[in-house]
C-alpha atoms as a PDB file:
ATOM      1  CA  MET A   1     114.993  16.470  47.699  1.00  0.00           C
ATOM      2  CA  ASP A   2     114.726  17.448  51.489  1.00  0.00           C
ATOM      3  CA  MET A   3     118.381  18.712  51.277  1.00  0.00           C
ATOM      4  CA  LEU A   4     117.988  20.788  48.145  1.00  0.00           C
ATOM      5  CA  LYS A   5     114.713  22.293  49.796  1.00  0.00           C
ATOM      6  CA  GLU A   6     116.998  23.251  52.751  1.00  0.00           C
ATOM      7  CA  LEU A   7     119.610  24.658  50.547  1.00  0.00           C
ATOM      8  CA  SER A   8     117.248  26.803  48.639  1.00  0.00           C
ATOM      9  CA  ASN A   9     115.658  28.421  51.489  1.00  0.00           C
ATOM     10  CA  ASN A  10     119.170  30.472  51.646  1.00  0.00           C
ATOM     11  CA  ASN A  11     118.896  32.027  48.517  1.00  0.00           C
ATOM     12  CA  HIS A  12     121.927  30.748  47.305  1.00  0.00           C
ATOM     13  CA  LEU A  13     121.276  27.946  44.778  1.00  0.00           C
ATOM     14  CA  PRO A  14     122.384  29.016  41.236  1.00  0.00           C
ATOM     15  CA  SER A  15     120.162  30.983  39.011  1.00  0.00           C
ATOM     16  CA  LEU A  16     121.094  29.343  35.847  1.00  0.00           C
ATOM     17  CA  PHE A  17     121.699  25.251  35.526  1.00  0.00           C
ATOM     18  CA  VAL A  18     123.606  24.399  32.392  1.00  0.00           C
ATOM     19  CA  PHE A  19     123.938  21.161  31.128  1.00  0.00           C
ATOM     20  CA  ASP A  20     126.582  19.662  28.464  1.00  0.00           C
ATOM     21  CA  ILE A  21     124.391  17.004  26.466  1.00  0.00           C
ATOM     22  CA  ASP A  22     126.385  14.352  25.270  1.00  0.00           C
ATOM     23  CA  TYR A  23     127.739  11.916  27.705  1.00  0.00           C
ATOM     24  CA  THR A  24     126.416  14.343  30.151  1.00  0.00           C
ATOM     25  CA  LEU A  25     122.477  13.883  29.820  1.00  0.00           C
ATOM     26  CA  TRP A  26     122.824  10.773  27.525  1.00  0.00           C
ATOM     27  CA  PRO A  27     125.770   8.368  26.903  1.00  0.00           C
ATOM     28  CA  LEU A  28     126.463   9.054  23.252  1.00  0.00           C
ATOM     29  CA  TRP A  29     127.735  11.616  20.768  1.00  0.00           C
ATOM     30  CA  ILE A  30     124.650  12.510  18.885  1.00  0.00           C
ATOM     31  CA  ASP A  31     126.774  13.435  15.829  1.00  0.00           C
ATOM     32  CA  ALA A  32     128.426  10.087  15.951  1.00  0.00           C
ATOM     33  CA  CYS A  33     125.179   8.104  15.826  1.00  0.00           C
ATOM     34  CA  PRO A  34     123.572   6.994  12.148  1.00  0.00           C
ATOM     35  CA  GLY A  35     121.215  10.046  12.213  1.00  0.00           C
ATOM     36  CA  PRO A  36     117.818  10.336  11.256  1.00  0.00           C
ATOM     37  CA  PRO A  37     115.074   9.933  11.117  1.00  0.00           C
ATOM     38  CA  PHE A  38     114.398   9.916  14.779  1.00  0.00           C
ATOM     39  CA  GLU A  39     111.504   8.258  16.213  1.00  0.00           C
ATOM     40  CA  ALA A  40     109.852   8.090  19.798  1.00  0.00           C
ATOM     41  CA  ASP A  41     106.734   6.805  21.273  1.00  0.00           C
ATOM     42  CA  PRO A  42     105.303   9.305  23.814  1.00  0.00           C
ATOM     43  CA  SER A  43     102.641   6.826  25.085  1.00  0.00           C
ATOM     44  CA  LYS A  44     105.176   4.560  26.188  1.00  0.00           C
ATOM     45  CA  PRO A  45     108.351   6.592  27.687  1.00  0.00           C
ATOM     46  CA  TYR A  46     109.151   3.514  29.820  1.00  0.00           C
ATOM     47  CA  ARG A  47     109.528   0.707  27.580  1.00  0.00           C
ATOM     48  CA  VAL A  48     110.973  -0.288  24.333  1.00  0.00           C
ATOM     49  CA  LYS A  49     108.922   0.285  21.193  1.00  0.00           C
ATOM     50  CA  ASP A  50     107.547  -3.310  19.493  1.00  0.00           C
ATOM     51  CA  LYS A  51     110.103  -3.230  16.755  1.00  0.00           C
ATOM     52  CA  TYR A  52     112.387  -4.329  19.579  1.00  0.00           C
ATOM     53  CA  GLU A  53     110.619  -7.369  20.346  1.00  0.00           C
ATOM     54  CA  ARG A  54     113.264  -9.592  18.917  1.00  0.00           C
ATOM     55  CA  LEU A  55     115.308  -8.971  22.121  1.00  0.00           C
ATOM     56  CA  LYS A  56     115.667 -11.602  24.417  1.00  0.00           C
ATOM     57  CA  SER A  57     112.698 -11.488  26.929  1.00  0.00           C
ATOM     58  CA  ILE A  58     115.612 -11.022  29.836  1.00  0.00           C
ATOM     59  CA  HIS A  59     117.392  -8.037  27.999  1.00  0.00           C
ATOM     60  CA  SER A  60     113.409  -6.732  27.271  1.00  0.00           C
ATOM     61  CA  VAL A  61     112.974  -6.699  31.100  1.00  0.00           C
ATOM     62  CA  ILE A  62     116.433  -4.794  31.610  1.00  0.00           C
ATOM     63  CA  CYS A  63     115.477  -2.364  28.999  1.00  0.00           C
ATOM     64  CA  PHE A  64     112.091  -1.859  30.351  1.00  0.00           C
ATOM     65  CA  ILE A  65     113.881  -0.879  33.937  1.00  0.00           C
ATOM     66  CA  ILE A  66     116.684   1.494  32.716  1.00  0.00           C
ATOM     67  CA  LEU A  67     115.293   2.739  29.503  1.00  0.00           C
ATOM     68  CA  ILE A  68     113.639   5.567  31.630  1.00  0.00           C
ATOM     69  CA  LYS A  69     112.811   8.008  28.635  1.00  0.00           C
ATOM     70  CA  PHE A  70     114.182   7.083  24.904  1.00  0.00           C
ATOM     71  CA  VAL A  71     114.596   7.841  21.343  1.00  0.00           C
ATOM     72  CA  CYS A  72     115.181   5.295  18.660  1.00  0.00           C
ATOM     73  CA  HIS A  73     117.203   6.354  15.506  1.00  0.00           C
ATOM     74  CA  ARG A  74     116.994   4.638  11.963  1.00  0.00           C
ATOM     75  CA  TYR A  75     119.127   1.784  12.704  1.00  0.00           C
ATOM     76  CA  GLY A  76     117.181   0.754  15.805  1.00  0.00           C
ATOM     77  CA  ASN A  77     119.375   1.810  18.726  1.00  0.00           C
ATOM     78  CA  VAL A  78     118.139   3.975  21.700  1.00  0.00           C
ATOM     79  CA  ILE A  79     118.951   7.141  22.707  1.00  0.00           C
ATOM     80  CA  ARG A  80     118.212   6.983  26.326  1.00  0.00           C
ATOM     81  CA  LEU A  81     118.768   9.625  29.126  1.00  0.00           C
ATOM     82  CA  TYR A  82     121.003   8.611  32.053  1.00  0.00           C
ATOM     83  CA  PRO A  83     118.733   7.093  34.715  1.00  0.00           C
ATOM     84  CA  ASP A  84     118.957  10.247  37.234  1.00  0.00           C
ATOM     85  CA  VAL A  85     118.371  13.007  34.586  1.00  0.00           C
ATOM     86  CA  PRO A  86     114.842  13.132  34.934  1.00  0.00           C
ATOM     87  CA  LYS A  87     114.786  13.424  38.613  1.00  0.00           C
ATOM     88  CA  ILE A  88     117.573  15.968  38.321  1.00  0.00           C
ATOM     89  CA  LEU A  89     115.652  18.177  36.132  1.00  0.00           C
ATOM     90  CA  ARG A  90     112.346  18.033  37.996  1.00  0.00           C
ATOM     91  CA  THR A  91     114.246  18.740  40.806  1.00  0.00           C
ATOM     92  CA  VAL A  92     115.644  22.152  39.092  1.00  0.00           C
ATOM     93  CA  LYS A  93     112.127  22.970  37.953  1.00  0.00           C
ATOM     94  CA  ASN A  94     110.535  22.882  41.294  1.00  0.00           C
ATOM     95  CA  CYS A  95     112.960  25.527  42.846  1.00  0.00           C
ATOM     96  CA  PRO A  96     111.708  28.846  42.442  1.00  0.00           C
ATOM     97  CA  GLN A  97     113.535  31.267  40.212  1.00  0.00           C
ATOM     98  CA  THR A  98     115.668  29.199  38.554  1.00  0.00           C
ATOM     99  CA  TYR A  99     116.099  28.193  34.807  1.00  0.00           C
ATOM    100  CA  ILE A 100     117.505  25.277  32.883  1.00  0.00           C
ATOM    101  CA  ALA A 101     120.029  25.265  29.791  1.00  0.00           C
ATOM    102  CA  VAL A 102     121.778  22.591  27.664  1.00  0.00           C
ATOM    103  CA  ALA A 103     125.375  23.953  25.803  1.00  0.00           C
ATOM    104  CA  SER A 104     126.370  21.705  23.321  1.00  0.00           C
ATOM    105  CA  ARG A 105     129.351  22.063  20.439  1.00  0.00           C
ATOM    106  CA  THR A 106     127.878  19.199  18.713  1.00  0.00           C
ATOM    107  CA  GLN A 107     128.501  19.079  14.425  1.00  0.00           C
ATOM    108  CA  GLU A 108     124.931  18.097  14.290  1.00  0.00           C
ATOM    109  CA  PRO A 109     122.857  20.704  16.202  1.00  0.00           C
ATOM    110  CA  GLU A 110     119.790  19.996  14.007  1.00  0.00           C
ATOM    111  CA  TRP A 111     119.827  16.058  15.292  1.00  0.00           C
ATOM    112  CA  ALA A 112     120.534  17.136  18.804  1.00  0.00           C
ATOM    113  CA  ARG A 113     117.457  19.455  18.619  1.00  0.00           C
ATOM    114  CA  LYS A 114     115.449  16.827  17.306  1.00  0.00           C
ATOM    115  CA  VAL A 115     116.095  14.558  19.703  1.00  0.00           C
ATOM    116  CA  LEU A 116     115.296  16.942  22.492  1.00  0.00           C
ATOM    117  CA  SER A 117     112.053  17.976  20.744  1.00  0.00           C
ATOM    118  CA  ILE A 118     110.641  14.136  20.869  1.00  0.00           C
ATOM    119  CA  MET A 119     112.172  12.549  23.767  1.00  0.00           C
ATOM    120  CA  PRO A 120     109.357  11.682  25.938  1.00  0.00           C
ATOM    121  CA  PHE A 121     109.354  13.550  29.286  1.00  0.00           C
ATOM    122  CA  PRO A 122     106.212  13.451  31.235  1.00  0.00           C
ATOM    123  CA  GLU A 123     105.479  15.600  33.814  1.00  0.00           C
ATOM    124  CA  ASN A 124     105.297  13.453  36.323  1.00  0.00           C
ATOM    125  CA  GLU A 125     106.640   9.778  36.648  1.00  0.00           C
ATOM    126  CA  ASP A 126     103.340   8.421  37.210  1.00  0.00           C
ATOM    127  CA  GLU A 127     102.598   6.450  33.631  1.00  0.00           C
ATOM    128  CA  GLU A 128      98.880   7.367  34.219  1.00  0.00           C
ATOM    129  CA  SER A 129      99.840  11.255  34.006  1.00  0.00           C
ATOM    130  CA  ILE A 130     100.544  10.757  30.485  1.00  0.00           C
ATOM    131  CA  LYS A 131      97.340  11.562  28.572  1.00  0.00           C
ATOM    132  CA  LEU A 132      96.365   9.980  25.433  1.00  0.00           C
ATOM    133  CA  SER A 133      93.135  10.826  23.069  1.00  0.00           C
ATOM    134  CA  VAL A 134      91.893   9.289  20.220  1.00  0.00           C
ATOM    135  CA  THR A 135      91.148  11.285  16.896  1.00  0.00           C
ATOM    136  CA  ASN A 136      87.297  10.689  16.134  1.00  0.00           C
ATOM    137  CA  GLY A 137      86.781   8.759  12.883  1.00  0.00           C
ATOM    138  CA  SER A 138      90.623   8.053  12.417  1.00  0.00           C
ATOM    139  CA  SER A 139      92.901   5.193  13.642  1.00  0.00           C
ATOM    140  CA  SER A 140      95.543   7.909  14.287  1.00  0.00           C
ATOM    141  CA  LYS A 141      96.134   9.029  18.190  1.00  0.00           C
ATOM    142  CA  VAL A 142      96.632  12.458  19.194  1.00  0.00           C
ATOM    143  CA  ILE A 143      99.423  12.570  21.887  1.00  0.00           C
ATOM    144  CA  ASN A 144      99.647  15.385  24.315  1.00  0.00           C
ATOM    145  CA  TYR A 145     102.847  15.209  26.545  1.00  0.00           C
ATOM    146  CA  ASN A 146     105.936  16.878  27.736  1.00  0.00           C
ATOM    147  CA  THR A 147     109.383  16.478  25.781  1.00  0.00           C
ATOM    148  CA  LEU A 148     112.678  17.003  27.257  1.00  0.00           C
ATOM    149  CA  ALA A 149     112.820  20.511  25.108  1.00  0.00           C
ATOM    150  CA  ASP A 150     109.700  21.532  27.239  1.00  0.00           C
ATOM    151  CA  VAL A 151     111.903  21.534  30.180  1.00  0.00           C
ATOM    152  CA  ILE A 152     114.927  23.464  28.694  1.00  0.00           C
ATOM    153  CA  ASP A 153     114.475  26.913  29.356  1.00  0.00           C
ATOM    154  CA  TYR A 154     117.563  28.195  26.896  1.00  0.00           C
ATOM    155  CA  SER A 155     119.607  26.565  24.602  1.00  0.00           C
ATOM    156  CA  GLU A 156     123.068  26.868  22.852  1.00  0.00           C
ATOM    157  CA  ILE A 157     123.508  24.135  20.628  1.00  0.00           C
ATOM    158  CA  TYR A 158     126.160  24.850  17.962  1.00  0.00           C
ATOM    159  CA  PRO A 159     129.788  24.075  17.241  1.00  0.00           C
ATOM    160  CA  SER A 160     131.559  26.659  19.236  1.00  0.00           C
ATOM    161  CA  SER A 161     133.626  27.189  22.280  1.00  0.00           C
ATOM    162  CA  LYS A 162     131.790  26.856  25.430  1.00  0.00           C
ATOM    163  CA  VAL A 163     132.940  30.079  26.247  1.00  0.00           C
ATOM    164  CA  ASN A 164     130.806  31.724  23.537  1.00  0.00           C
ATOM    165  CA  HIS A 165     127.776  29.730  24.669  1.00  0.00           C
ATOM    166  CA  PHE A 166     127.993  31.123  27.786  1.00  0.00           C
ATOM    167  CA  SER A 167     128.452  34.289  26.859  1.00  0.00           C
ATOM    168  CA  SER A 168     125.514  34.039  24.594  1.00  0.00           C
ATOM    169  CA  LEU A 169     123.332  32.856  27.545  1.00  0.00           C
ATOM    170  CA  HIS A 170     124.191  35.591  29.965  1.00  0.00           C
ATOM    171  CA  ALA A 171     123.239  38.123  26.771  1.00  0.00           C
ATOM    172  CA  ILE A 172     119.845  36.544  26.550  1.00  0.00           C
ATOM    173  CA  THR A 173     119.172  36.097  30.262  1.00  0.00           C
ATOM    174  CA  GLY A 174     121.130  38.939  32.067  1.00  0.00           C
ATOM    175  CA  ILE A 175     122.207  36.380  34.853  1.00  0.00           C
ATOM    176  CA  PRO A 176     125.595  36.860  35.965  1.00  0.00           C
ATOM    177  CA  TYR A 177     128.101  34.269  35.570  1.00  0.00           C
ATOM    178  CA  ASP A 178     129.041  33.725  39.213  1.00  0.00           C
ATOM    179  CA  GLU A 179     125.142  32.537  39.554  1.00  0.00           C
ATOM    180  CA  MET A 180     125.520  29.640  36.767  1.00  0.00           C
ATOM    181  CA  ILE A 181     126.432  26.206  37.141  1.00  0.00           C
ATOM    182  CA  PHE A 182     127.803  24.469  34.360  1.00  0.00           C
ATOM    183  CA  PHE A 183     128.022  20.275  33.745  1.00  0.00           C
ATOM    184  CA  ASP A 184     130.327  18.845  31.514  1.00  0.00           C
ATOM    185  CA  ASP A 185     131.572  15.681  31.081  1.00  0.00           C
ATOM    186  CA  GLU A 186     135.100  17.362  29.341  1.00  0.00           C
ATOM    187  CA  MET A 187     137.805  19.108  31.430  1.00  0.00           C
ATOM    188  CA  ARG A 188     138.738  21.220  28.556  1.00  0.00           C
ATOM    189  CA  ASN A 189     135.512  23.151  29.171  1.00  0.00           C
ATOM    190  CA  LYS A 190     136.277  24.268  32.553  1.00  0.00           C
ATOM    191  CA  GLU A 191     137.746  27.325  30.927  1.00  0.00           C
ATOM    192  CA  VAL A 192     134.345  28.820  31.426  1.00  0.00           C
ATOM    193  CA  ASN A 193     134.998  28.833  35.136  1.00  0.00           C
ATOM    194  CA  TYR A 194     138.774  30.826  35.044  1.00  0.00           C
ATOM    195  CA  LYS A 195     137.826  33.020  32.017  1.00  0.00           C
ATOM    196  CA  LEU A 196     133.930  33.859  33.030  1.00  0.00           C
ATOM    197  CA  GLY A 197     133.494  32.752  36.577  1.00  0.00           C
ATOM    198  CA  VAL A 198     130.953  30.033  36.220  1.00  0.00           C
ATOM    199  CA  HIS A 199     130.809  27.237  38.448  1.00  0.00           C
ATOM    200  CA  PHE A 200     132.032  24.279  36.515  1.00  0.00           C
ATOM    201  CA  VAL A 201     131.062  20.358  37.634  1.00  0.00           C
ATOM    202  CA  TYR A 202     132.909  17.530  36.290  1.00  0.00           C
ATOM    203  CA  VAL A 203     130.749  14.704  35.456  1.00  0.00           C
ATOM    204  CA  PRO A 204     132.955  11.663  34.663  1.00  0.00           C
ATOM    205  CA  ASP A 205     130.317   9.247  34.171  1.00  0.00           C
ATOM    206  CA  GLY A 206     126.979  10.999  33.258  1.00  0.00           C
ATOM    207  CA  MET A 207     124.806  12.858  35.479  1.00  0.00           C
ATOM    208  CA  THR A 208     123.803  11.146  38.834  1.00  0.00           C
ATOM    209  CA  TYR A 209     121.563  12.788  41.636  1.00  0.00           C
ATOM    210  CA  GLU A 210     124.683  12.169  44.001  1.00  0.00           C
ATOM    211  CA  LEU A 211     126.699  14.281  42.072  1.00  0.00           C
ATOM    212  CA  PHE A 212     124.111  17.009  41.285  1.00  0.00           C
ATOM    213  CA  LEU A 213     123.450  17.490  44.927  1.00  0.00           C
ATOM    214  CA  SER A 214     127.081  17.343  46.026  1.00  0.00           C
ATOM    215  CA  ALA A 215     127.791  19.918  43.201  1.00  0.00           C
ATOM    216  CA  ILE A 216     124.739  22.376  44.430  1.00  0.00           C
ATOM    217  CA  LYS A 217     126.382  22.004  48.275  1.00  0.00           C
ATOM    218  CA  GLU A 218     129.792  23.172  46.955  1.00  0.00           C
ATOM    219  CA  PHE A 219     127.804  25.916  45.010  1.00  0.00           C
ATOM    220  CA  VAL A 220     125.815  27.276  48.288  1.00  0.00           C
ATOM    221  CA  ASN A 221     128.758  26.781  50.390  1.00  0.00           C
ATOM    222  CA  LYS A 222     131.093  29.113  47.686  1.00  0.00           C
ATOM    223  CA  ARG A 223     128.528  31.437  47.766  1.00  0.00           C
ATOM    224  CA  GLU A 224     127.648  31.820  51.363  1.00  0.00           C
ATOM    225  CA  HIS A 225     131.579  32.546  51.781  1.00  0.00           C
ATOM    226  CA  SER A 226     131.522  34.910  49.105  1.00  0.00           C
ATOM    227  CA  PHE A 227     128.796  36.747  50.816  1.00  0.00           C
ATOM    228  CA  LEU A 228     130.639  36.681  54.474  1.00  0.00           C
ATOM    229  CA  SER A 229     133.754  38.006  53.339  1.00  0.00           C
END
């Protein structure tokens, strides 16, 4: 975090951080999973829901540790973020004058939007920060919490090329292409770099904080050299 804060002082950070979704933010293709209904338990973002108690205790412990944020689909599988994703997104949100976008060509855009809209994403990592209130006279609970969708400023989720996604983001935000950085697991999407000038970062094994910082450092160095030349 200190390194990123130091980099942010030179005003060369990306203005728009764009992330692919499948195999970049979470380890699956959303359009290949069994589908809705999707469920989340916002009061328990750090552990698996009760219906998973059939797992052996050792598996439960592992799930408790690695499932930082989760959504479950109808056949009981878990859609989880890669472990470093919450830290990465919070880091971006803490940088001044930066925005977050997602760009996905999934064949099931509504499924992706639904999962983004219900995946628990507390403002802070501390579980005590999750606000829970009980409705008077009812057994139901009203949960006030942040979701993954809350930290995303712009989204382009529909079957199309990433060039079209970025053209739309540029039109909506007014941000120049050379002030955008794009993280994606498919090399074919590097076309946004040579067609538009977007800084492309290949993500072979899901987002990690180490990859994120390395990419930002490369972006900043490139911007500094372009200003000096």
